[in-house]
C-alpha atoms as a PDB file:
ATOM      1  CA  MET A   1    -273.491 110.127  75.244  1.00  0.00           C
ATOM      2  CA  PRO A   2    -272.326 113.184  73.671  1.00  0.00           C
ATOM      3  CA  ASP A   3    -273.816 115.899  73.611  1.00  0.00           C
ATOM      4  CA  ASN A   4    -275.949 116.726  70.010  1.00  0.00           C
ATOM      5  CA  PRO A   5    -274.452 119.069  68.100  1.00  0.00           C
ATOM      6  CA  SER A   6    -275.529 122.533  67.843  1.00  0.00           C
ATOM      7  CA  ASN A   7    -277.685 124.224  65.050  1.00  0.00           C
ATOM      8  CA  GLY A   8    -274.680 126.088  64.068  1.00  0.00           C
ATOM      9  CA  THR A   9    -272.197 123.214  63.694  1.00  0.00           C
ATOM     10  CA  ARG A  10    -274.883 120.913  61.796  1.00  0.00           C
ATOM     11  CA  PHE A  11    -274.280 124.007  59.049  1.00  0.00           C
ATOM     12  CA  ARG A  12    -271.052 124.195  59.263  1.00  0.00           C
ATOM     13  CA  GLU A  13    -270.739 120.774  59.097  1.00  0.00           C
ATOM     14  CA  ALA A  14    -273.078 120.792  55.921  1.00  0.00           C
ATOM     15  CA  VAL A  15    -271.121 123.547  54.104  1.00  0.00           C
ATOM     16  CA  ALA A  16    -267.540 121.271  54.700  1.00  0.00           C
ATOM     17  CA  SER A  17    -269.157 118.215  53.292  1.00  0.00           C
ATOM     18  CA  ALA A  18    -270.729 119.550  50.114  1.00  0.00           C
ATOM     19  CA  SER A  19    -269.164 121.241  46.970  1.00  0.00           C
ATOM     20  CA  PRO A  20    -271.928 122.588  47.456  1.00  0.00           C
ATOM     21  CA  LEU A  21    -274.359 123.051  49.438  1.00  0.00           C
ATOM     22  CA  GLN A  22    -277.723 123.759  47.866  1.00  0.00           C
ATOM     23  CA  VAL A  23    -279.620 125.000  50.057  1.00  0.00           C
ATOM     24  CA  LEU A  24    -283.708 124.945  49.703  1.00  0.00           C
ATOM     25  CA  GLY A  25    -285.913 128.094  50.079  1.00  0.00           C
ATOM     26  CA  ALA A  26    -288.862 127.368  52.313  1.00  0.00           C
ATOM     27  CA  ILE A  27    -291.801 128.991  52.896  1.00  0.00           C
ATOM     28  CA  ASN A  28    -293.717 127.401  55.804  1.00  0.00           C
ATOM     29  CA  ALA A  29    -293.447 124.497  57.319  1.00  0.00           C
ATOM     30  CA  TYR A  30    -294.561 121.613  55.044  1.00  0.00           C
ATOM     31  CA  ALA A  31    -292.428 123.510  52.158  1.00  0.00           C
ATOM     32  CA  ALA A  32    -289.009 122.601  54.323  1.00  0.00           C
ATOM     33  CA  ILE A  33    -290.753 119.175  55.314  1.00  0.00           C
ATOM     34  CA  MET A  34    -290.756 118.326  51.455  1.00  0.00           C
ATOM     35  CA  ALA A  35    -287.205 119.509  50.953  1.00  0.00           C
ATOM     36  CA  GLU A  36    -285.874 117.666  53.948  1.00  0.00           C
ATOM     37  CA  HIS A  37    -287.751 114.455  52.313  1.00  0.00           C
ATOM     38  CA  SER A  38    -285.596 115.657  48.914  1.00  0.00           C
ATOM     39  CA  GLY A  39    -282.727 115.247  50.667  1.00  0.00           C
ATOM     40  CA  ALA A  40    -282.378 118.442  51.196  1.00  0.00           C
ATOM     41  CA  LYS A  41    -279.216 119.082  53.487  1.00  0.00           C
ATOM     42  CA  ALA A  42    -279.911 122.965  54.759  1.00  0.00           C
ATOM     43  CA  LEU A  43    -282.260 124.861  54.288  1.00  0.00           C
ATOM     44  CA  TYR A  44    -283.260 129.633  54.314  1.00  0.00           C
ATOM     45  CA  LEU A  45    -286.076 131.150  55.386  1.00  0.00           C
ATOM     46  CA  SER A  46    -286.412 134.669  52.873  1.00  0.00           C
ATOM     47  CA  GLY A  47    -287.407 137.529  54.495  1.00  0.00           C
ATOM     48  CA  ALA A  48    -289.184 138.653  51.157  1.00  0.00           C
ATOM     49  CA  GLY A  49    -291.047 135.314  51.625  1.00  0.00           C
ATOM     50  CA  VAL A  50    -291.874 135.968  54.741  1.00  0.00           C
ATOM     51  CA  ALA A  51    -292.986 139.545  53.941  1.00  0.00           C
ATOM     52  CA  ASN A  52    -294.573 138.025  50.869  1.00  0.00           C
ATOM     53  CA  ALA A  53    -296.200 134.505  51.932  1.00  0.00           C
ATOM     54  CA  SER A  54    -297.082 135.190  55.492  1.00  0.00           C
ATOM     55  CA  PHE A  55    -298.427 139.301  54.900  1.00  0.00           C
ATOM     56  CA  GLY A  56    -299.153 139.621  51.655  1.00  0.00           C
ATOM     57  CA  LEU A  57    -296.290 142.199  50.884  1.00  0.00           C
ATOM     58  CA  PRO A  58    -293.832 143.373  49.457  1.00  0.00           C
ATOM     59  CA  ASP A  59    -290.288 143.141  50.683  1.00  0.00           C
ATOM     60  CA  LEU A  60    -289.598 146.311  51.529  1.00  0.00           C
ATOM     61  CA  GLY A  61    -288.499 145.937  55.415  1.00  0.00           C
ATOM     62  CA  PHE A  62    -292.754 145.969  56.042  1.00  0.00           C
ATOM     63  CA  THR A  63    -291.775 142.726  58.373  1.00  0.00           C
ATOM     64  CA  THR A  64    -290.434 142.890  62.225  1.00  0.00           C
ATOM     65  CA  LEU A  65    -288.842 140.394  63.863  1.00  0.00           C
ATOM     66  CA  GLU A  66    -291.363 139.081  65.804  1.00  0.00           C
ATOM     67  CA  ASN A  67    -293.055 137.936  62.248  1.00  0.00           C
ATOM     68  CA  VAL A  68    -289.502 136.134  60.932  1.00  0.00           C
ATOM     69  CA  CYS A  69    -289.153 135.062  64.037  1.00  0.00           C
ATOM     70  CA  GLU A  70    -292.494 133.118  63.890  1.00  0.00           C
ATOM     71  CA  ASP A  71    -291.906 131.404  60.368  1.00  0.00           C
ATOM     72  CA  THR A  72    -288.267 130.538  61.921  1.00  0.00           C
ATOM     73  CA  HIS A  73    -289.742 128.642  65.081  1.00  0.00           C
ATOM     74  CA  ARG A  74    -292.505 126.638  62.534  1.00  0.00           C
ATOM     75  CA  ILE A  75    -289.830 125.187  60.161  1.00  0.00           C
ATOM     76  CA  THR A  76    -287.082 124.475  62.900  1.00  0.00           C
ATOM     77  CA  ALA A  77    -290.480 122.969  64.807  1.00  0.00           C
ATOM     78  CA  ALA A  78    -291.131 121.094  62.085  1.00  0.00           C
ATOM     79  CA  THR A  79    -287.951 119.532  60.400  1.00  0.00           C
ATOM     80  CA  ASN A  80    -283.923 118.817  61.938  1.00  0.00           C
ATOM     81  CA  THR A  81    -282.390 120.384  58.820  1.00  0.00           C
ATOM     82  CA  PRO A  82    -280.322 123.341  59.838  1.00  0.00           C
ATOM     83  CA  LEU A  83    -282.428 126.669  58.768  1.00  0.00           C
ATOM     84  CA  LEU A  84    -280.261 129.906  57.361  1.00  0.00           C
ATOM     85  CA  VAL A  85    -282.250 132.919  57.885  1.00  0.00           C
ATOM     86  CA  ASP A  86    -283.006 136.310  56.239  1.00  0.00           C
ATOM     87  CA  ALA A  87    -282.309 138.794  59.068  1.00  0.00           C
ATOM     88  CA  ASP A  88    -282.754 141.612  56.287  1.00  0.00           C
ATOM     89  CA  THR A  89    -280.248 144.413  57.951  1.00  0.00           C
ATOM     90  CA  GLY A  90    -280.690 143.030  61.859  1.00  0.00           C
ATOM     91  CA  TRP A  91    -283.362 145.275  62.898  1.00  0.00           C
ATOM     92  CA  ASP A  92    -282.748 147.935  65.590  1.00  0.00           C
ATOM     93  CA  ASP A  93    -280.738 145.619  67.468  1.00  0.00           C
ATOM     94  CA  PRO A  94    -278.143 143.437  65.904  1.00  0.00           C
ATOM     95  CA  ALA A  95    -277.477 140.947  69.202  1.00  0.00           C
ATOM     96  CA  ALA A  96    -281.011 140.684  70.133  1.00  0.00           C
ATOM     97  CA  THR A  97    -281.321 139.023  66.267  1.00  0.00           C
ATOM     98  CA  VAL A  98    -279.487 136.647  66.274  1.00  0.00           C
ATOM     99  CA  ALA A  99    -279.572 135.403  69.728  1.00  0.00           C
ATOM    100  CA  ALA A 100    -284.319 135.607  68.907  1.00  0.00           C
ATOM    101  CA  LEU A 101    -282.937 133.329  65.712  1.00  0.00           C
ATOM    102  CA  ALA A 102    -281.194 131.278  67.635  1.00  0.00           C
ATOM    103  CA  GLN A 103    -283.265 130.741  70.486  1.00  0.00           C
ATOM    104  CA  ALA A 104    -286.734 130.551  67.382  1.00  0.00           C
ATOM    105  CA  GLY A 105    -283.890 127.743  66.372  1.00  0.00           C
ATOM    106  CA  ALA A 106    -282.511 129.019  62.998  1.00  0.00           C
ATOM    107  CA  ALA A 107    -278.719 127.687  63.005  1.00  0.00           C
ATOM    108  CA  ALA A 108    -277.560 130.648  60.400  1.00  0.00           C
ATOM    109  CA  CYS A 109    -278.613 134.205  59.471  1.00  0.00           C
ATOM    110  CA  HIS A 110    -277.381 136.776  57.165  1.00  0.00           C
ATOM    111  CA  LEU A 111    -277.173 140.383  57.269  1.00  0.00           C
ATOM    112  CA  GLU A 112    -277.121 142.766  54.518  1.00  0.00           C
ATOM    113  CA  ASP A 113    -274.408 146.425  54.149  1.00  0.00           C
ATOM    114  CA  GLN A 114    -278.152 148.533  52.810  1.00  0.00           C
ATOM    115  CA  VAL A 115    -279.612 151.146  54.328  1.00  0.00           C
ATOM    116  CA  PHE A 116    -283.069 149.958  56.645  1.00  0.00           C
ATOM    117  CA  ALA A 117    -285.336 150.767  54.013  1.00  0.00           C
ATOM    118  CA  LYS A 118    -283.605 147.927  52.617  1.00  0.00           C
ATOM    119  CA  ARG A 119    -284.644 146.759  48.742  1.00  0.00           C
ATOM    120  CA  CYS A 120    -284.659 143.420  47.074  1.00  0.00           C
ATOM    121  CA  GLY A 121    -280.711 142.596  45.577  1.00  0.00           C
ATOM    122  CA  HIS A 122    -281.602 142.605  42.119  1.00  0.00           C
ATOM    123  CA  ARG A 123    -283.788 145.961  42.048  1.00  0.00           C
ATOM    124  CA  PRO A 124    -282.205 149.484  41.346  1.00  0.00           C
ATOM    125  CA  ASN A 125    -281.351 152.313  43.153  1.00  0.00           C
ATOM    126  CA  LYS A 126    -279.951 150.259  46.512  1.00  0.00           C
ATOM    127  CA  GLU A 127    -278.269 151.795  49.175  1.00  0.00           C
ATOM    128  CA  LEU A 128    -275.354 150.915  51.080  1.00  0.00           C
ATOM    129  CA  ILE A 129    -274.167 152.002  53.981  1.00  0.00           C
ATOM    130  CA  SER A 130    -270.441 152.470  55.368  1.00  0.00           C
ATOM    131  CA  THR A 131    -268.445 149.428  54.986  1.00  0.00           C
ATOM    132  CA  GLU A 132    -267.370 150.883  58.936  1.00  0.00           C
ATOM    133  CA  GLU A 133    -271.074 150.344  59.712  1.00  0.00           C
ATOM    134  CA  MET A 134    -271.438 147.452  58.529  1.00  0.00           C
ATOM    135  CA  ILE A 135    -268.010 146.252  60.362  1.00  0.00           C
ATOM    136  CA  GLU A 136    -270.213 148.058  63.592  1.00  0.00           C
ATOM    137  CA  ARG A 137    -272.982 146.542  61.955  1.00  0.00           C
ATOM    138  CA  LEU A 138    -271.612 143.046  62.409  1.00  0.00           C
ATOM    139  CA  GLN A 139    -269.371 142.820  65.704  1.00  0.00           C
ATOM    140  CA  THR A 140    -272.992 144.222  67.239  1.00  0.00           C
ATOM    141  CA  ALA A 141    -274.306 140.828  66.076  1.00  0.00           C
ATOM    142  CA  THR A 142    -271.956 138.334  66.830  1.00  0.00           C
ATOM    143  CA  THR A 143    -272.161 139.338  70.725  1.00  0.00           C
ATOM    144  CA  GLY A 144    -275.863 138.212  70.624  1.00  0.00           C
ATOM    145  CA  ARG A 145    -274.175 134.143  69.452  1.00  0.00           C
ATOM    146  CA  PRO A 146    -276.147 131.861  72.470  1.00  0.00           C
ATOM    147  CA  ASP A 147    -272.930 130.004  71.614  1.00  0.00           C
ATOM    148  CA  PRO A 148    -269.909 130.758  69.052  1.00  0.00           C
ATOM    149  CA  THR A 149    -270.705 127.369  66.583  1.00  0.00           C
ATOM    150  CA  PHE A 150    -274.013 130.034  65.319  1.00  0.00           C
ATOM    151  CA  VAL A 151    -272.847 131.481  61.605  1.00  0.00           C
ATOM    152  CA  ILE A 152    -273.619 134.640  61.352  1.00  0.00           C
ATOM    153  CA  MET A 153    -273.217 135.903  57.196  1.00  0.00           C
ATOM    154  CA  ALA A 154    -272.176 138.585  56.283  1.00  0.00           C
ATOM    155  CA  ARG A 155    -274.375 139.439  52.425  1.00  0.00           C
ATOM    156  CA  THR A 156    -272.905 142.184  50.408  1.00  0.00           C
ATOM    157  CA  ASP A 157    -274.537 143.838  47.551  1.00  0.00           C
ATOM    158  CA  ALA A 158    -271.756 145.658  46.313  1.00  0.00           C
ATOM    159  CA  ALA A 159    -270.566 144.526  43.462  1.00  0.00           C
ATOM    160  CA  ALA A 160    -273.720 146.205  41.522  1.00  0.00           C
ATOM    161  CA  THR A 161    -273.707 149.762  43.214  1.00  0.00           C
ATOM    162  CA  GLU A 162    -270.201 149.630  43.697  1.00  0.00           C
ATOM    163  CA  GLY A 163    -268.254 147.295  41.558  1.00  0.00           C
ATOM    164  CA  LEU A 164    -266.524 143.560  42.167  1.00  0.00           C
ATOM    165  CA  ASP A 165    -263.382 144.519  43.471  1.00  0.00           C
ATOM    166  CA  ALA A 166    -264.757 146.887  46.452  1.00  0.00           C
ATOM    167  CA  ALA A 167    -267.706 144.048  46.920  1.00  0.00           C
ATOM    168  CA  ILE A 168    -263.916 141.762  47.807  1.00  0.00           C
ATOM    169  CA  ALA A 169    -262.872 145.075  49.424  1.00  0.00           C
ATOM    170  CA  ARG A 170    -265.516 145.088  51.895  1.00  0.00           C
ATOM    171  CA  SER A 171    -266.376 141.385  52.164  1.00  0.00           C
ATOM    172  CA  LYS A 172    -262.917 140.819  53.901  1.00  0.00           C
ATOM    173  CA  ALA A 173    -263.381 143.769  56.578  1.00  0.00           C
ATOM    174  CA  TYR A 174    -266.688 141.899  57.592  1.00  0.00           C
ATOM    175  CA  LEU A 175    -264.654 139.161  58.126  1.00  0.00           C
ATOM    176  CA  ASP A 176    -262.520 140.354  59.997  1.00  0.00           C
ATOM    177  CA  ALA A 177    -265.177 142.142  62.670  1.00  0.00           C
ATOM    178  CA  GLY A 178    -266.353 138.930  62.821  1.00  0.00           C
ATOM    179  CA  ALA A 179    -268.314 137.255  60.112  1.00  0.00           C
ATOM    180  CA  ASP A 180    -268.005 133.814  59.426  1.00  0.00           C
ATOM    181  CA  MET A 181    -269.169 133.467  55.074  1.00  0.00           C
ATOM    182  CA  ILE A 182    -270.132 136.042  52.787  1.00  0.00           C
ATOM    183  CA  PHE A 183    -273.100 136.372  50.872  1.00  0.00           C
ATOM    184  CA  ALA A 184    -271.513 137.869  47.377  1.00  0.00           C
ATOM    185  CA  GLU A 185    -274.958 139.446  46.244  1.00  0.00           C
ATOM    186  CA  ALA A 186    -275.977 139.878  41.857  1.00  0.00           C
ATOM    187  CA  LEU A 187    -272.547 138.658  40.494  1.00  0.00           C
ATOM    188  CA  THR A 188    -273.432 138.985  36.775  1.00  0.00           C
ATOM    189  CA  ASP A 189    -271.125 135.526  35.553  1.00  0.00           C
ATOM    190  CA  LEU A 190    -269.145 132.906  36.703  1.00  0.00           C
ATOM    191  CA  GLU A 191    -265.957 134.209  36.009  1.00  0.00           C
ATOM    192  CA  HIS A 192    -267.067 137.328  38.766  1.00  0.00           C
ATOM    193  CA  PHE A 193    -267.758 134.251  40.997  1.00  0.00           C
ATOM    194  CA  ARG A 194    -264.249 132.986  40.716  1.00  0.00           C
ATOM    195  CA  ILE A 195    -261.935 135.997  41.216  1.00  0.00           C
ATOM    196  CA  PHE A 196    -265.004 136.817  44.236  1.00  0.00           C
ATOM    197  CA  THR A 197    -264.186 132.903  46.208  1.00  0.00           C
ATOM    198  CA  ASN A 198    -260.055 133.679  44.707  1.00  0.00           C
ATOM    199  CA  ALA A 199    -259.832 136.808  46.786  1.00  0.00           C
ATOM    200  CA  VAL A 200    -261.791 135.887  50.407  1.00  0.00           C
ATOM    201  CA  ASP A 201    -261.090 132.746  52.385  1.00  0.00           C
ATOM    202  CA  ALA A 202    -263.969 131.709  53.330  1.00  0.00           C
ATOM    203  CA  PRO A 203    -267.199 130.628  52.328  1.00  0.00           C
ATOM    204  CA  VAL A 204    -268.770 131.915  49.850  1.00  0.00           C
ATOM    205  CA  LEU A 205    -272.453 131.755  48.486  1.00  0.00           C
ATOM    206  CA  ALA A 206    -274.027 132.652  44.922  1.00  0.00           C
ATOM    207  CA  ASN A 207    -278.046 133.365  45.385  1.00  0.00           C
ATOM    208  CA  MET A 208    -280.560 131.685  42.379  1.00  0.00           C
ATOM    209  CA  THR A 209    -282.553 133.286  42.288  1.00  0.00           C
ATOM    210  CA  GLU A 210    -285.048 133.461  39.483  1.00  0.00           C
ATOM    211  CA  PHE A 211    -286.563 136.918  37.074  1.00  0.00           C
ATOM    212  CA  GLY A 212    -282.687 138.845  38.281  1.00  0.00           C
ATOM    213  CA  ASN A 213    -280.112 139.892  37.923  1.00  0.00           C
ATOM    214  CA  THR A 214    -277.482 136.521  37.885  1.00  0.00           C
ATOM    215  CA  PRO A 215    -278.184 133.811  35.545  1.00  0.00           C
ATOM    216  CA  LEU A 216    -279.586 130.182  36.632  1.00  0.00           C
ATOM    217  CA  ILE A 217    -275.801 128.417  36.179  1.00  0.00           C
ATOM    218  CA  PRO A 218    -275.546 124.665  37.758  1.00  0.00           C
ATOM    219  CA  ALA A 219    -273.991 124.042  41.078  1.00  0.00           C
ATOM    220  CA  LYS A 220    -271.607 121.694  38.980  1.00  0.00           C
ATOM    221  CA  ASP A 221    -270.187 125.370  37.590  1.00  0.00           C
ATOM    222  CA  PHE A 222    -270.545 127.027  40.314  1.00  0.00           C
ATOM    223  CA  ALA A 223    -268.576 123.849  42.541  1.00  0.00           C
ATOM    224  CA  ASP A 224    -264.876 124.555  40.074  1.00  0.00           C
ATOM    225  CA  ALA A 225    -265.408 128.657  40.112  1.00  0.00           C
ATOM    226  CA  GLY A 226    -265.132 127.719  44.562  1.00  0.00           C
ATOM    227  CA  ILE A 227    -268.380 128.699  45.363  1.00  0.00           C
ATOM    228  CA  LYS A 228    -269.751 126.335  49.038  1.00  0.00           C
ATOM    229  CA  LEU A 229    -273.294 127.813  49.143  1.00  0.00           C
ATOM    230  CA  VAL A 230    -275.629 128.323  46.251  1.00  0.00           C
ATOM    231  CA  LEU A 231    -279.515 129.481  47.463  1.00  0.00           C
ATOM    232  CA  TYR A 232    -282.920 128.882  46.068  1.00  0.00           C
ATOM    233  CA  PRO A 233    -284.500 131.431  47.616  1.00  0.00           C
ATOM    234  CA  LEU A 234    -287.927 131.034  46.343  1.00  0.00           C
ATOM    235  CA  SER A 235    -288.527 128.919  44.000  1.00  0.00           C
ATOM    236  CA  ALA A 236    -290.617 126.852  45.314  1.00  0.00           C
ATOM    237  CA  PHE A 237    -292.596 129.555  46.276  1.00  0.00           C
ATOM    238  CA  ARG A 238    -292.543 131.219  43.000  1.00  0.00           C
ATOM    239  CA  ALA A 239    -293.686 127.404  41.601  1.00  0.00           C
ATOM    240  CA  MET A 240    -296.422 126.744  44.132  1.00  0.00           C
ATOM    241  CA  SER A 241    -297.956 130.313  43.372  1.00  0.00           C
ATOM    242  CA  LYS A 242    -298.285 129.591  39.725  1.00  0.00           C
ATOM    243  CA  ALA A 243    -299.799 126.299  39.849  1.00  0.00           C
ATOM    244  CA  ALA A 244    -302.709 128.257  42.893  1.00  0.00           C
ATOM    245  CA  LEU A 245    -303.488 131.254  40.848  1.00  0.00           C
ATOM    246  CA  ALA A 246    -303.929 128.430  37.769  1.00  0.00           C
ATOM    247  CA  THR A 247    -306.168 126.449  39.595  1.00  0.00           C
ATOM    248  CA  TYR A 248    -308.165 129.547  41.803  1.00  0.00           C
ATOM    249  CA  GLN A 249    -309.021 130.979  38.224  1.00  0.00           C
ATOM    250  CA  THR A 250    -310.232 127.115  36.609  1.00  0.00           C
ATOM    251  CA  ILE A 251    -312.633 126.574  39.266  1.00  0.00           C
ATOM    252  CA  LEU A 252    -314.071 129.915  38.419  1.00  0.00           C
ATOM    253  CA  LYS A 253    -313.909 129.723  35.432  1.00  0.00           C
ATOM    254  CA  GLU A 254    -315.065 125.970  34.073  1.00  0.00           C
ATOM    255  CA  GLY A 255    -316.678 124.931  37.514  1.00  0.00           C
ATOM    256  CA  SER A 256    -314.558 122.448  38.927  1.00  0.00           C
ATOM    257  CA  GLN A 257    -311.043 121.221  39.497  1.00  0.00           C
ATOM    258  CA  GLU A 258    -310.860 118.318  37.789  1.00  0.00           C
ATOM    259  CA  LYS A 259    -308.276 118.969  34.662  1.00  0.00           C
ATOM    260  CA  HIS A 260    -305.455 119.468  37.580  1.00  0.00           C
ATOM    261  CA  ILE A 261    -306.189 116.895  39.409  1.00  0.00           C
ATOM    262  CA  PRO A 262    -303.398 115.207  37.725  1.00  0.00           C
ATOM    263  CA  HIS A 263    -301.272 118.290  39.004  1.00  0.00           C
ATOM    264  CA  MET A 264    -302.623 118.030  42.531  1.00  0.00           C
ATOM    265  CA  GLN A 265    -300.511 116.511  45.799  1.00  0.00           C
ATOM    266  CA  SER A 266    -302.993 113.563  46.999  1.00  0.00           C
ATOM    267  CA  ARG A 267    -304.442 113.158  49.956  1.00  0.00           C
ATOM    268  CA  ASP A 268    -302.323 109.964  50.800  1.00  0.00           C
ATOM    269  CA  GLU A 269    -299.016 111.409  49.601  1.00  0.00           C
ATOM    270  CA  LEU A 270    -299.601 114.619  52.225  1.00  0.00           C
ATOM    271  CA  TYR A 271    -300.759 111.876  55.010  1.00  0.00           C
ATOM    272  CA  LYS A 272    -297.344 110.357  53.926  1.00  0.00           C
ATOM    273  CA  PHE A 273    -294.948 113.285  54.521  1.00  0.00           C
ATOM    274  CA  LEU A 274    -296.984 114.676  57.376  1.00  0.00           C
ATOM    275  CA  ASP A 275    -296.913 111.013  59.371  1.00  0.00           C
ATOM    276  CA  TYR A 276    -300.557 111.248  59.307  1.00  0.00           C
ATOM    277  CA  HIS A 277    -301.560 107.355  59.857  1.00  0.00           C
ATOM    278  CA  ASN A 278    -298.730 107.041  63.066  1.00  0.00           C
ATOM    279  CA  ALA A 279    -300.308 110.580  64.513  1.00  0.00           C
ATOM    280  CA  GLU A 280    -304.056 109.243  64.434  1.00  0.00           C
ATOM    281  CA  GLU A 281    -303.671 106.417  66.208  1.00  0.00           C
ATOM    282  CA  ALA A 282    -300.786 107.458  68.821  1.00  0.00           C
ATOM    283  CA  GLN A 283    -303.849 110.533  69.702  1.00  0.00           C
ATOM    284  CA  THR A 284    -307.183 107.315  69.958  1.00  0.00           C
ATOM    285  CA  LYS A 285    -304.650 104.891  72.133  1.00  0.00           C
ATOM    286  CA  GLU A 286    -304.277 108.465  74.204  1.00  0.00           C
ATOM    287  CA  HIS A 287    -307.796 109.553  73.753  1.00  0.00           C
ATOM    288  CA  THR A 288    -309.391 105.642  74.733  1.00  0.00           C
ATOM    289  CA  ALA A 289    -306.680 104.577  77.728  1.00  0.00           C
ATOM    290  CA  THR A 290    -307.924 103.399  80.705  1.00  0.00           C
ATOM    291  CA  PRO A 291    -306.640 106.206  83.784  1.00  0.00           C
ATOM    292  CA  ASN A 292    -304.907 104.003  85.783  1.00  0.00           C
ATOM    293  CA  PRO A 293    -306.036 103.947  89.573  1.00  0.00           C
ATOM    294  CA  ASP A 294    -304.836 105.713  92.490  1.00  0.00           C
END
């Protein structure tokens, strides 16, 4: 029997087979399970998601590689869908970062061309490192691959600070340095994505984060513009958070959660996603099994 394909191979195959590949953000293992059951072919772990949801911190470089690897491992242990991970600027050693994320089960990661004290890609006052420094960052990262299939994606924030032409020039240099795909952050017009994909000979990702600088563009329009991946990094998390806040406030104000019951996932639905009953049955059999005689 042939070996199972690597995580990186499955991610590459998902990109190649979709037009475009919709990559769904999952902030934890259970969200990943629901995304997988919904039909997702690729998942994403956001650095902001780790900071916001796991640690209650703003996305300003406070979380560590170990923090991200822990959430990566929890997600990849719960789902077979390949996972793209936000590796920020690569921390102290991009090679060690790539190796650690791959060991935790990631199929791919992206590294960005901001300085270490990074900002959200849709916030003002972003500061970029030089093209040469990013090339070194990427070349170092490639030495940490456990195998050639692990995907290293280069994210450029240059469009917002240096212009579209500079972002394209940087992306070409990043591909020459060993990046497999490009994350074109904070473009503001569909035509800009079209220009970008016509100039860059690699799969390009568009970030459909809400409340940012990029308008919300339908996936079919991105397909026509040559985009191969569309990312929805925190869409479900934002919806969950809004619903949770409303529920908390209602309970404290009205003394009951009853009005929110129609909007809650039922116990049976939860159990279905977790395969609870089969797990319970297996546990019961294990506990009641008669030991074999010596």
